């Protein structure tokens, strides 16, 4: 058992935070899960079940839930799983209790709306003494919490710390691949959510599997172009946190982002879709930010731009599709 990283805090009591807490507890880690909702804390502590976000899944009784950030003060490492647009205030609340140098593993996929910063940038602003890490990859919470085989990317600059963290969070069915490219891991996680909305719209409009496959391929080209412009390593985006996560999120209605796109493609309004959901659909918030970031970086991302335009009501689905199909033909590998 790894003695260096034994006590883990998890900030965020949604489905993903709960699944990660379950994985850590399953390999004998001491886990304290912070959740915003008092009813979530009570259900986990008394019923060993997250009745709000993962109902009917029995959790390891060793998981302790709390709504007091002070309970995370002496953790060996902390997983931050708050939604991307709530990461800054959440980390700000944790900051007075953060031990100097504590590894904070960022598990949310998105870009902050106001700053255009990724989650590691937000962490640097709020808790500059922390050691940043990023966990990303193809991982549905329900699969992970059930112990189904899952592989992810764990990005940490310090190799020795990364190895120790990977050893501590690994489980027989949860396999982290180590990287030192935090930016690449974050780009893959953010962009794939927007592309999943596009893929959902293609299926909602019944445009066929061929169009769906083409969209994934061209979307991956957009992701890698942005990565190259911002300084990510190419190999990162061909791995779990890039191509792997893209394929999963764009291929299953279990993805909140793809199911949102599917509903849009079937004619529902964004307001109708969002009003029926309690969980966050990260791609909806990320799309307009990604559009701005791509423009700032001088990167052409027509699919992501089309999604942002549909979400803000500038164009309808059919007009956006026609616009993409009507673009000048290019050589393979070009913009």
Protein backbone atom coordinates (compact mmCIF):
# COMPACT_ATOMS: atom_id res chain seq x y z
CA UNK A 1 0.00 0.00 0.00
CA UNK A 2 1.35 3.44 -0.93
CA UNK A 3 2.04 5.31 2.32
CA UNK A 4 2.75 8.63 0.63
CA UNK A 5 -0.75 8.96 -0.76
CA UNK A 6 -3.20 7.25 1.56
CA UNK A 7 -5.65 9.99 2.53
CA UNK A 8 -7.64 11.43 -0.36
CA UNK A 9 -10.14 14.25 -0.43
CA UNK A 10 -12.68 14.47 -3.24
CA UNK A 11 -14.32 17.85 -3.85
CA UNK A 12 -17.62 17.31 -5.63
CA UNK A 13 -20.47 14.97 -4.83
CA UNK A 14 -21.79 14.47 -8.34
CA UNK A 15 -21.67 11.20 -10.24
CA UNK A 16 -18.01 11.51 -11.27
CA UNK A 17 -16.75 12.58 -7.86
CA UNK A 18 -18.66 9.75 -6.24
CA UNK A 19 -17.30 7.20 -8.73
CA UNK A 20 -13.73 8.33 -8.07
CA UNK A 21 -14.30 8.16 -4.32
CA UNK A 22 -15.61 4.62 -4.74
CA UNK A 23 -12.55 3.60 -6.77
CA UNK A 24 -10.16 5.01 -4.18
CA UNK A 25 -12.02 3.31 -1.33
CA UNK A 26 -12.01 0.00 -3.21
CA UNK A 27 -8.21 -0.12 -3.04
CA UNK A 28 -8.06 0.79 0.62
CA UNK A 29 -7.55 4.54 0.49
CA UNK A 30 -9.05 6.73 3.20
CA UNK A 31 -11.59 8.90 1.39
CA UNK A 32 -13.39 12.06 2.48
CA UNK A 33 -15.92 13.31 -0.07
CA UNK A 34 -17.05 16.94 0.08
CA UNK A 35 -20.50 17.60 -1.40
CA UNK A 36 -22.45 20.82 -1.66
CA UNK A 37 -25.88 19.31 -1.02
CA UNK A 38 -26.58 18.36 2.65
CA UNK A 39 -28.96 15.63 1.49
CA UNK A 40 -26.17 14.10 -0.57
CA UNK A 41 -23.83 14.09 2.44
CA UNK A 42 -26.48 12.52 4.63
CA UNK A 43 -27.39 9.81 2.11
CA UNK A 44 -23.76 8.77 1.58
CA UNK A 45 -23.06 8.62 5.32
CA UNK A 46 -26.25 6.85 6.36
CA UNK A 47 -27.38 4.84 3.32
CA UNK A 48 -23.99 4.47 1.58
CA UNK A 49 -25.64 5.67 -1.61
CA UNK A 50 -25.61 8.90 -3.59
CA UNK A 51 -29.35 9.13 -4.05
CA UNK A 52 -29.10 12.39 -6.03
CA UNK A 53 -26.55 11.50 -8.69
CA UNK A 54 -25.88 7.74 -8.59
CA UNK A 55 -29.03 6.15 -7.18
CA UNK A 56 -29.18 2.40 -6.57
CA UNK A 57 -25.38 2.03 -6.49
CA UNK A 58 -24.07 0.82 -3.16
CA UNK A 59 -20.97 2.69 -2.04
CA UNK A 60 -18.09 1.54 0.11
CA UNK A 61 -19.12 2.28 3.70
CA UNK A 62 -15.65 3.62 4.45
CA UNK A 63 -16.32 6.74 2.34
CA UNK A 64 -16.99 9.69 4.65
CA UNK A 65 -19.01 12.57 3.23
CA UNK A 66 -18.91 16.14 4.53
CA UNK A 67 -19.95 19.66 3.59
CA UNK A 68 -17.12 21.25 5.58
CA UNK A 69 -13.99 22.03 3.55
CA UNK A 70 -11.95 22.02 6.75
CA UNK A 71 -12.31 18.25 6.83
CA UNK A 72 -10.00 18.10 3.79
CA UNK A 73 -7.17 20.05 5.43
CA UNK A 74 -4.83 17.12 6.14
CA UNK A 75 -5.32 15.11 2.95
CA UNK A 76 -2.32 13.65 1.12
CA UNK A 77 -3.95 14.58 -2.21
CA UNK A 78 -7.23 16.11 -3.34
CA UNK A 79 -9.35 15.43 -6.42
CA UNK A 80 -11.23 18.55 -7.57
CA UNK A 81 -14.38 17.47 -9.41
CA UNK A 82 -16.49 20.63 -9.35
CA UNK A 83 -17.97 21.67 -12.75
CA UNK A 84 -15.56 23.82 -14.75
CA UNK A 85 -17.54 27.04 -14.41
CA UNK A 86 -17.72 26.51 -10.63
CA UNK A 87 -14.11 25.45 -10.15
CA UNK A 88 -12.78 28.89 -9.17
CA UNK A 89 -15.25 29.57 -6.31
CA UNK A 90 -14.95 25.97 -5.13
CA UNK A 91 -11.16 26.11 -4.98
CA UNK A 92 -11.40 29.54 -3.34
CA UNK A 93 -13.45 27.95 -0.56
CA UNK A 94 -10.88 25.19 -0.18
CA UNK A 95 -7.83 27.48 -0.34
CA UNK A 96 -7.69 28.37 3.40
CA UNK A 97 -7.50 24.65 4.20
CA UNK A 98 -5.05 23.58 1.47
CA UNK A 99 -1.72 22.26 2.73
CA UNK A 100 1.25 23.83 0.96
CA UNK A 101 2.36 21.66 -1.94
CA UNK A 102 -0.67 19.35 -1.79
CA UNK A 103 -1.33 17.63 -5.15
CA UNK A 104 -4.71 18.73 -6.50
CA UNK A 105 -5.93 16.46 -9.29
CA UNK A 106 -8.25 18.41 -11.62
CA UNK A 107 -11.00 16.13 -12.88
CA UNK A 108 -13.36 18.57 -14.63
CA UNK A 109 -13.32 19.15 -18.38
CA UNK A 110 -13.84 22.69 -19.56
CA UNK A 111 -12.54 26.22 -20.05
CA UNK A 112 -13.40 29.06 -17.70
CA UNK A 113 -15.77 31.49 -19.41
CA UNK A 114 -14.33 34.79 -18.19
CA UNK A 115 -10.60 34.08 -18.28
CA UNK A 116 -10.40 31.55 -21.16
CA UNK A 117 -8.25 29.56 -18.76
CA UNK A 118 -8.12 25.81 -18.30
CA UNK A 119 -8.55 24.35 -14.84
CA UNK A 120 -4.81 24.30 -14.14
CA UNK A 121 -4.76 28.05 -14.82
CA UNK A 122 -7.60 28.54 -12.36
CA UNK A 123 -5.75 26.48 -9.75
CA UNK A 124 -2.58 28.53 -10.28
CA UNK A 125 -4.59 31.71 -9.63
CA UNK A 126 -6.35 30.46 -6.52
CA UNK A 127 -3.93 28.05 -4.81
CA UNK A 128 -0.51 28.76 -6.38
CA UNK A 129 1.33 26.60 -3.84
CA UNK A 130 -0.56 23.45 -4.84
CA UNK A 131 0.90 20.83 -7.17
CA UNK A 132 -1.43 20.58 -10.20
CA UNK A 133 -2.39 17.33 -11.90
CA UNK A 134 -5.07 16.45 -14.45
CA UNK A 135 -7.16 13.27 -14.69
CA UNK A 136 -8.96 12.79 -18.00
CA UNK A 137 -10.01 10.05 -20.35
CA UNK A 138 -12.89 7.86 -21.52
CA UNK A 139 -14.71 7.20 -18.27
CA UNK A 140 -18.44 7.17 -17.64
CA UNK A 141 -19.12 7.46 -13.92
CA UNK A 142 -21.53 4.52 -13.89
CA UNK A 143 -18.89 2.23 -15.48
CA UNK A 144 -16.23 3.29 -12.99
CA UNK A 145 -18.44 2.99 -9.92
CA UNK A 146 -19.43 -0.53 -11.02
CA UNK A 147 -15.79 -1.52 -11.38
CA UNK A 148 -15.89 -1.97 -15.16
CA UNK A 149 -12.53 -1.72 -16.99
CA UNK A 150 -11.48 1.90 -17.55
CA UNK A 151 -8.24 3.55 -18.68
CA UNK A 152 -7.45 7.24 -18.20
CA UNK A 153 -4.63 9.77 -18.46
CA UNK A 154 -3.03 11.17 -15.31
CA UNK A 155 -0.96 14.23 -16.18
CA UNK A 156 1.61 15.44 -13.63
CA UNK A 157 4.78 17.46 -14.26
CA UNK A 158 6.84 15.75 -11.55
CA UNK A 159 7.47 12.18 -12.71
CA UNK A 160 8.11 10.71 -9.26
CA UNK A 161 4.99 12.29 -7.78
CA UNK A 162 3.05 11.19 -10.83
CA UNK A 163 4.17 7.59 -10.42
CA UNK A 164 3.23 7.64 -6.72
CA UNK A 165 -0.19 9.14 -7.46
CA UNK A 166 -0.81 6.66 -10.29
CA UNK A 167 0.06 3.79 -7.96
CA UNK A 168 -2.28 5.16 -5.30
CA UNK A 169 -5.34 5.67 -7.51
CA UNK A 170 -4.92 2.59 -9.71
CA UNK A 171 -7.32 -0.30 -9.20
CA UNK A 172 -7.62 -3.70 -10.91
CA UNK A 173 -10.14 -2.19 -13.34
CA UNK A 174 -8.98 1.46 -13.26
CA UNK A 175 -5.75 1.98 -15.19
CA UNK A 176 -4.04 5.42 -15.26
CA UNK A 177 -1.50 6.17 -18.00
CA UNK A 178 1.05 8.75 -16.88
CA UNK A 179 1.80 11.94 -18.82
CA UNK A 180 3.51 15.24 -18.07
CA UNK A 181 1.32 17.23 -20.51
CA UNK A 182 -1.39 18.88 -18.39
CA UNK A 183 -2.39 21.27 -21.16
CA UNK A 184 -2.91 18.49 -23.70
CA UNK A 185 -5.02 16.51 -21.24
CA UNK A 186 -7.19 19.55 -20.59
CA UNK A 187 -7.61 20.44 -24.27
CA UNK A 188 -8.79 16.93 -25.11
CA UNK A 189 -11.30 16.88 -22.27
CA UNK A 190 -12.78 20.27 -23.11
CA UNK A 191 -13.00 19.99 -26.89
CA UNK A 192 -14.50 16.50 -26.97
CA UNK A 193 -17.57 17.70 -25.06
CA UNK A 194 -18.37 20.26 -27.75
CA UNK A 195 -17.80 17.73 -30.52
CA UNK A 196 -20.11 15.27 -28.75
CA UNK A 197 -22.94 17.80 -29.01
CA UNK A 198 -22.28 17.99 -32.75
CA UNK A 199 -22.30 14.19 -33.07
CA UNK A 200 -25.59 14.04 -31.19
CA UNK A 201 -27.15 16.50 -33.61
CA UNK A 202 -26.02 14.41 -36.58
CA UNK A 203 -27.75 11.34 -35.15
CA UNK A 204 -30.78 13.35 -34.05
CA UNK A 205 -31.20 14.54 -37.63
CA UNK A 206 -30.77 10.91 -38.78
CA UNK A 207 -27.89 11.77 -41.09
CA UNK A 208 -26.38 8.31 -40.72
CA UNK A 209 -23.34 6.59 -39.27
CA UNK A 210 -21.10 7.69 -42.15
CA UNK A 211 -21.68 11.35 -41.31
CA UNK A 212 -21.17 10.53 -37.63
CA UNK A 213 -17.79 8.92 -38.32
CA UNK A 214 -16.71 11.78 -40.56
CA UNK A 215 -17.62 14.29 -37.88
CA UNK A 216 -15.52 12.46 -35.27
CA UNK A 217 -12.53 12.40 -37.64
CA UNK A 218 -12.80 16.06 -38.62
CA UNK A 219 -13.50 16.99 -35.02
CA UNK A 220 -10.32 15.24 -33.95
CA UNK A 221 -8.46 17.30 -36.56
CA UNK A 222 -9.84 20.45 -34.92
CA UNK A 223 -8.76 19.24 -31.48
CA UNK A 224 -5.20 18.50 -32.63
CA UNK A 225 -4.90 21.85 -34.43
CA UNK A 226 -5.84 23.69 -31.26
CA UNK A 227 -3.43 21.55 -29.26
CA UNK A 228 -0.58 22.33 -31.64
CA UNK A 229 -1.32 26.06 -31.52
CA UNK A 230 -1.40 26.15 -27.72
CA UNK A 231 1.67 23.99 -27.20
CA UNK A 232 0.27 20.57 -26.29
CA UNK A 233 2.20 17.44 -27.19
CA UNK A 234 0.73 15.62 -30.24
CA UNK A 235 1.01 12.21 -28.56
CA UNK A 236 -1.20 13.38 -25.71
CA UNK A 237 -4.19 13.96 -27.96
CA UNK A 238 -3.84 10.55 -29.62
CA UNK A 239 -4.11 8.94 -26.19
CA UNK A 240 -6.81 8.33 -23.63
CA UNK A 241 -7.53 11.97 -22.83
CA UNK A 242 -7.86 12.96 -26.49
CA UNK A 243 -8.91 10.37 -29.05
CA UNK A 244 -10.04 7.88 -26.40
CA UNK A 245 -12.36 10.31 -24.65
CA UNK A 246 -13.59 11.69 -27.98
CA UNK A 247 -14.66 8.27 -29.24
CA UNK A 248 -16.53 7.43 -26.04
CA UNK A 249 -18.31 10.75 -25.62
CA UNK A 250 -19.29 10.97 -29.29
CA UNK A 251 -20.56 7.40 -29.50
CA UNK A 252 -22.99 6.95 -26.62
CA UNK A 253 -26.26 8.59 -25.65
CA UNK A 254 -25.13 7.94 -22.08
CA UNK A 255 -22.96 11.04 -22.59
CA UNK A 256 -24.84 14.13 -21.38
CA UNK A 257 -23.24 16.15 -24.17
CA UNK A 258 -24.18 13.75 -26.94
CA UNK A 259 -27.71 13.32 -25.60
CA UNK A 260 -28.05 17.11 -25.53
CA UNK A 261 -27.06 17.26 -29.20
CA UNK A 262 -29.40 14.40 -30.02
CA UNK A 263 -32.32 16.29 -28.51
CA UNK A 264 -31.33 19.47 -30.39
CA UNK A 265 -31.19 17.48 -33.61
CA UNK A 266 -34.67 16.14 -32.92
CA UNK A 267 -36.04 19.67 -32.64
CA UNK A 268 -36.02 20.43 -28.92
CA UNK A 269 -34.83 23.81 -27.73
CA UNK A 270 -31.79 24.21 -25.52
CA UNK A 271 -33.99 25.68 -22.79
CA UNK A 272 -36.25 22.61 -22.86
CA UNK A 273 -33.27 20.27 -22.65
CA UNK A 274 -31.48 22.05 -19.83
CA UNK A 275 -34.61 22.52 -17.73
CA UNK A 276 -35.04 18.75 -17.51
CA UNK A 277 -31.48 18.10 -16.22
CA UNK A 278 -29.94 18.25 -12.79
CA UNK A 279 -26.40 17.32 -13.86
CA UNK A 280 -24.10 19.72 -15.70
CA UNK A 281 -23.66 19.42 -19.49
CA UNK A 282 -20.14 20.83 -19.75
CA UNK A 283 -20.09 21.22 -23.54
CA UNK A 284 -22.88 23.80 -23.47
CA UNK A 285 -20.79 26.15 -21.33
CA UNK A 286 -17.54 25.27 -23.10
CA UNK A 287 -18.68 25.87 -26.70
CA UNK A 288 -18.76 29.69 -26.65
CA UNK A 289 -15.52 29.85 -24.65
CA UNK A 290 -13.81 27.48 -27.06
CA UNK A 291 -15.00 29.61 -29.96
CA UNK A 292 -13.32 32.67 -28.40
CA UNK A 293 -10.16 30.75 -27.53
CA UNK A 294 -9.82 29.36 -31.06
CA UNK A 295 -10.20 32.84 -32.53
CA UNK A 296 -7.58 34.21 -30.13
CA UNK A 297 -5.19 31.38 -31.08
CA UNK A 298 -5.84 31.82 -34.79
CA UNK A 299 -7.17 28.28 -35.17
CA UNK A 300 -10.05 27.43 -37.47
CA UNK A 301 -12.54 25.06 -35.77
CA UNK A 302 -15.64 25.06 -37.98
CA UNK A 303 -17.48 22.22 -36.22
CA UNK A 304 -17.01 23.73 -32.78
CA UNK A 305 -17.97 27.14 -34.16
CA UNK A 306 -21.16 25.66 -35.62
CA UNK A 307 -22.09 24.14 -32.25
CA UNK A 308 -21.57 27.46 -30.48
CA UNK A 309 -23.70 29.23 -33.07
CA UNK A 310 -26.54 26.73 -32.70
CA UNK A 311 -26.43 26.98 -28.91
CA UNK A 312 -26.62 30.79 -28.94
CA UNK A 313 -29.42 30.78 -31.50
CA UNK A 314 -27.44 32.43 -34.30
CA UNK A 315 -28.25 29.60 -36.70
CA UNK A 316 -30.47 26.55 -36.69
CA UNK A 317 -29.23 22.97 -36.98
CA UNK A 318 -29.98 22.55 -40.68
CA UNK A 319 -28.31 25.84 -41.63
CA UNK A 320 -25.21 24.90 -39.66
CA UNK A 321 -25.02 21.47 -41.30
CA UNK A 322 -25.43 22.99 -44.75
CA UNK A 323 -22.67 25.46 -43.96
CA UNK A 324 -20.25 22.70 -42.97
CA UNK A 325 -21.06 20.61 -46.05
CA UNK A 326 -20.71 23.68 -48.27
CA UNK A 327 -17.19 24.54 -47.18
CA UNK A 328 -14.47 24.46 -49.83
CA UNK A 329 -13.02 21.00 -50.23
CA UNK A 330 -9.57 20.52 -48.71
CA UNK A 331 -6.76 18.01 -48.87
CA UNK A 332 -6.72 15.43 -46.11
CA UNK A 333 -4.83 16.80 -43.13
CA UNK A 334 -5.54 20.44 -43.98
CA UNK A 335 -7.91 22.87 -42.24
